[in-house]
Amino acid sequence: MNMNNTKAVWTERPSKSELVASVWMCKPTEITPRTVLADPCTSIILVKSNERTKIVLRGPETKPRNEHYMPDTTWIGIRLYPGVKLKNFPAQPYLDCSRPIKADNDGRFLFEGTLLSFQDFDNAEELIEQMRDLGYVSGEAIDVQGVTRAEMSTKAYSRYIKHNTGLSPYKLHQLHRMTKVFELIQDGVPLATIATNQGFADQAHLHRAVRQYLGHTPKELLRWPQKP
């Protein structure tokens, strides 16, 4: 598939795990610039090349950013639902930041003193299940639409969301909404319909939000093979 007019094979699939939003893989055949879209998920990413292998723990992305993928490198990412937390990797301090961890050529790495193994694309969830069994993954997915404030004060509700996702309620809502907007754009839904159904004042408001959080115009995103 083409990614930003250069070649990279991109694959993404949903997950049956209650902890994992999706799993993606990228194999570029040449130096490939990529815009990483705003995303409320914490991610665990395997980066493997002939020269070295590493694991990257990445916090939620509140704005788009650019990075380059090198040829002969395989990237496999596990996106955890907002609300799912990694031990000693709090989301808030790592907003728009990451932590690299050394790994061997087989994807084995030390986490909290335990040797873990990042499996292949089809079996990536095995890592998350092992980490949960060890107490290194906790929490559960937060349903943005289903969270109720009926029994919480505004401050308590804000603390609850920030503690569990690292994001303010407003920012979590915006990122969740923009993820949905991106899916609708790629499904070919008319922009006027998206704007109305997703609560934007008009198409101009939608365009500004898409540029702010996704870094491109809706027309450009129609050609994209990947999600965040």
Protein backbone atom coordinates (compact mmCIF):
# COMPACT_ATOMS: atom_id res chain seq x y z
CA MET A 1 0.00 0.00 0.00
CA ASN A 2 1.07 3.60 -0.45
CA MET A 3 1.68 5.63 2.67
CA ASN A 4 2.28 9.34 2.09
CA ASN A 5 3.19 8.53 -1.55
CA THR A 6 5.92 5.98 -0.64
CA LYS A 7 5.69 2.25 -0.36
CA ALA A 8 4.93 0.40 2.86
CA VAL A 9 2.83 -2.63 3.55
CA TRP A 10 0.37 -1.75 6.30
CA THR A 11 -1.90 -4.26 8.02
CA GLU A 12 -4.25 -3.62 10.92
CA ARG A 13 -6.80 -5.82 12.60
CA PRO A 14 -9.27 -5.51 15.47
CA SER A 15 -8.69 -7.65 18.55
CA LYS A 16 -10.92 -10.02 20.45
CA SER A 17 -9.13 -9.07 23.68
CA GLU A 18 -11.07 -6.83 26.07
CA LEU A 19 -7.82 -4.93 26.65
CA VAL A 20 -6.61 -4.36 23.08
CA ALA A 21 -8.17 -1.90 20.65
CA SER A 22 -6.22 -3.08 17.60
CA VAL A 23 -2.94 -4.57 16.40
CA TRP A 24 -1.07 -3.13 13.43
CA MET A 25 2.03 -3.99 11.42
CA CYS A 26 4.09 -1.97 8.97
CA LYS A 27 6.86 -3.21 6.65
CA PRO A 28 8.31 -0.36 4.58
CA THR A 29 10.27 -1.11 1.42
CA GLU A 30 11.96 2.29 1.37
CA ILE A 31 12.40 5.24 3.71
CA THR A 32 8.79 6.09 4.53
CA PRO A 33 7.54 9.28 6.21
CA ARG A 34 4.42 8.71 8.26
CA THR A 35 2.13 11.07 10.13
CA VAL A 36 1.18 9.50 13.45
CA LEU A 37 -2.37 10.60 14.17
CA ALA A 38 -3.69 11.75 17.54
CA ASP A 39 -4.76 8.67 19.49
CA PRO A 40 -6.06 8.14 23.06
CA CYS A 41 -4.44 4.68 23.33
CA THR A 42 -1.24 3.69 25.10
CA SER A 43 0.76 1.43 22.79
CA ILE A 44 3.42 -1.26 22.99
CA ILE A 45 5.43 -1.37 19.77
CA LEU A 46 8.03 -3.83 18.52
CA VAL A 47 10.61 -2.33 16.13
CA LYS A 48 12.78 -4.99 14.53
CA SER A 49 15.53 -4.66 11.91
CA ASN A 50 18.61 -6.60 10.89
CA GLU A 51 20.72 -4.38 13.12
CA ARG A 52 18.69 -4.14 16.32
CA THR A 53 15.38 -4.78 18.00
CA LYS A 54 13.62 -2.64 20.57
CA ILE A 55 10.31 -2.25 22.34
CA VAL A 56 8.72 1.19 22.52
CA LEU A 57 6.13 2.06 25.17
CA ARG A 58 4.18 5.06 23.89
CA GLY A 59 1.66 7.18 25.73
CA PRO A 60 -1.48 8.68 24.18
CA GLU A 61 -0.94 11.08 21.28
CA THR A 62 -2.77 14.39 21.68
CA LYS A 63 -1.62 15.83 18.36
CA PRO A 64 -0.23 14.54 15.06
CA ARG A 65 3.51 14.13 14.59
CA ASN A 66 5.84 12.93 11.87
CA GLU A 67 8.27 10.03 11.95
CA HIS A 68 10.19 7.97 9.40
CA TYR A 69 10.08 4.22 8.90
CA MET A 70 13.27 2.65 7.55
CA PRO A 71 13.38 -0.16 4.97
CA ASP A 72 13.99 -3.73 6.17
CA THR A 73 12.35 -2.85 9.48
CA THR A 74 9.18 -4.43 10.85
CA TRP A 75 6.91 -2.47 13.18
CA ILE A 76 4.19 -4.26 15.17
CA GLY A 77 2.01 -2.16 17.48
CA ILE A 78 -0.50 -3.13 20.16
CA ARG A 79 -2.97 -0.35 20.99
CA LEU A 80 -4.45 -0.69 24.48
CA TYR A 81 -7.91 0.70 25.13
CA PRO A 82 -8.03 3.97 27.12
CA GLY A 83 -8.31 2.91 30.76
CA VAL A 84 -5.92 -0.06 30.39
CA LYS A 85 -2.72 0.77 32.25
CA LEU A 86 0.87 -0.49 32.21
CA LYS A 87 2.71 -0.81 35.53
CA ASN A 88 5.11 2.10 36.14
CA PHE A 89 4.13 3.68 32.83
CA PRO A 90 1.49 6.25 33.79
CA ALA A 91 -0.20 7.71 30.75
CA GLN A 92 -0.26 11.35 31.80
CA PRO A 93 3.52 11.91 32.14
CA TYR A 94 3.98 10.11 28.83
CA LEU A 95 1.48 12.08 26.76
CA ASP A 96 3.14 12.53 23.37
CA CYS A 97 6.23 10.73 24.73
CA SER A 98 7.71 7.24 24.69
CA ARG A 99 10.10 4.96 26.56
CA PRO A 100 12.39 2.58 24.63
CA ILE A 101 13.34 -0.84 26.05
CA LYS A 102 16.13 -3.02 24.68
CA ALA A 103 15.08 -6.34 23.16
CA ASP A 104 16.86 -9.25 21.50
CA ASN A 105 16.32 -10.47 17.94
CA ASP A 106 13.51 -12.77 19.10
CA GLY A 107 11.56 -9.88 20.63
CA ARG A 108 12.40 -10.78 24.23
CA PHE A 109 12.77 -7.91 26.69
CA LEU A 110 12.87 -7.22 30.42
CA PHE A 111 9.87 -5.52 31.99
CA GLU A 112 9.80 -5.04 35.76
CA GLY A 113 12.56 -7.63 36.05
CA THR A 114 10.64 -10.28 34.10
CA LEU A 115 11.72 -11.60 30.71
CA LEU A 116 8.79 -11.24 28.32
CA SER A 117 8.39 -12.03 24.64
CA PHE A 118 6.62 -9.95 22.01
CA GLN A 119 4.87 -12.44 19.73
CA ASP A 120 4.17 -12.03 16.02
CA PHE A 121 1.37 -9.98 14.50
CA ASP A 122 -1.22 -12.75 14.69
CA ASN A 123 -0.48 -13.60 18.33
CA ALA A 124 0.44 -10.21 19.78
CA GLU A 125 -2.29 -10.40 22.45
CA GLU A 126 -0.40 -13.23 24.18
CA LEU A 127 2.02 -10.62 25.51
CA ILE A 128 -0.80 -8.57 27.02
CA GLU A 129 -2.42 -11.62 28.62
CA GLN A 130 0.92 -12.62 30.16
CA MET A 131 1.46 -9.10 31.47
CA ARG A 132 -2.02 -9.06 32.97
CA ASP A 133 -1.41 -12.40 34.71
CA LEU A 134 1.77 -10.94 36.19
CA GLY A 135 0.01 -7.77 37.34
CA TYR A 136 1.83 -5.58 34.84
CA VAL A 137 -1.37 -4.65 33.00
CA SER A 138 -4.43 -3.49 34.91
CA GLY A 139 -7.66 -1.57 34.47
CA GLU A 140 -10.30 -1.95 31.81
CA ALA A 141 -11.50 -0.17 28.72
CA ILE A 142 -13.45 3.00 29.42
CA ASP A 143 -16.57 3.42 27.34
CA VAL A 144 -16.47 7.14 26.64
CA GLN A 145 -20.15 7.21 25.81
CA GLY A 146 -21.13 5.03 28.75
CA VAL A 147 -19.27 6.71 31.61
CA THR A 148 -21.85 8.33 33.85
CA ARG A 149 -21.40 11.38 36.03
CA ALA A 150 -24.62 10.80 37.94
CA GLU A 151 -22.85 9.87 41.18
CA MET A 152 -19.73 12.01 40.71
CA SER A 153 -18.97 15.66 41.17
CA THR A 154 -17.31 17.43 38.25
CA LYS A 155 -13.94 17.29 40.00
CA ALA A 156 -14.32 13.62 40.93
CA TYR A 157 -15.30 12.75 37.37
CA SER A 158 -12.31 14.65 35.98
CA ARG A 159 -9.95 12.91 38.42
CA TYR A 160 -11.42 9.52 37.52
CA ILE A 161 -10.89 10.02 33.78
CA LYS A 162 -7.42 11.52 34.16
CA HIS A 163 -6.28 8.81 36.58
CA ASN A 164 -7.42 6.03 34.27
CA THR A 165 -6.48 7.47 30.88
CA GLY A 166 -3.99 10.29 31.50
CA LEU A 167 -6.32 12.63 29.65
CA SER A 168 -8.87 15.24 30.68
CA PRO A 169 -12.51 14.32 29.98
CA TYR A 170 -12.58 16.94 27.21
CA LYS A 171 -9.41 15.66 25.54
CA LEU A 172 -10.50 12.02 25.81
CA HIS A 173 -13.82 12.90 24.22
CA GLN A 174 -12.11 14.82 21.41
CA LEU A 175 -9.64 12.04 20.64
CA HIS A 176 -12.37 9.41 20.74
CA ARG A 177 -14.50 11.53 18.42
CA MET A 178 -11.64 12.10 15.98
CA THR A 179 -10.90 8.37 15.85
CA LYS A 180 -14.53 7.86 14.85
CA VAL A 181 -14.32 10.73 12.33
CA PHE A 182 -11.29 9.13 10.72
CA GLU A 183 -13.10 5.79 10.39
CA LEU A 184 -16.13 7.49 8.82
CA ILE A 185 -13.95 9.43 6.38
CA GLN A 186 -12.26 6.23 5.24
CA ASP A 187 -15.67 4.57 4.89
CA GLY A 188 -16.62 7.30 2.42
CA VAL A 189 -19.35 8.88 4.54
CA PRO A 190 -20.16 12.42 3.26
CA LEU A 191 -18.48 15.15 5.29
CA ALA A 192 -21.75 16.96 5.86
CA THR A 193 -23.18 13.80 7.44
CA ILE A 194 -20.09 13.31 9.60
CA ALA A 195 -20.20 16.91 10.79
CA THR A 196 -23.86 16.65 11.78
CA ASN A 197 -23.68 13.22 13.42
CA GLN A 198 -20.46 13.92 15.33
CA GLY A 199 -21.56 17.26 16.76
CA PHE A 200 -19.58 19.74 14.67
CA ALA A 201 -21.07 23.15 13.93
CA ASP A 202 -20.48 22.76 10.19
CA GLN A 203 -18.06 21.28 7.65
CA ALA A 204 -15.54 24.08 8.22
CA HIS A 205 -15.43 23.20 11.92
CA LEU A 206 -14.90 19.55 10.97
CA HIS A 207 -12.06 20.44 8.58
CA ARG A 208 -10.26 22.43 11.28
CA ALA A 209 -10.56 19.59 13.79
CA VAL A 210 -9.32 17.04 11.26
CA ARG A 211 -6.25 19.17 10.53
CA GLN A 212 -5.61 19.76 14.24
CA TYR A 213 -5.82 16.13 15.36
CA LEU A 214 -5.12 14.11 12.22
CA GLY A 215 -2.68 16.42 10.47
CA HIS A 216 -4.25 16.21 7.01
CA THR A 217 -7.35 17.17 5.09
CA PRO A 218 -10.28 14.73 4.86
CA LYS A 219 -9.47 14.19 1.17
CA GLU A 220 -5.90 13.17 1.99
CA LEU A 221 -7.08 10.76 4.69
CA LEU A 222 -9.28 8.93 2.19
CA ARG A 223 -6.12 7.44 0.69
CA TRP A 224 -4.55 6.37 3.95
CA PRO A 225 -4.19 2.63 4.63
CA GLN A 226 -3.63 2.98 8.36
CA LYS A 227 -5.35 4.10 11.51
CA PRO A 228 -3.45 5.92 14.31
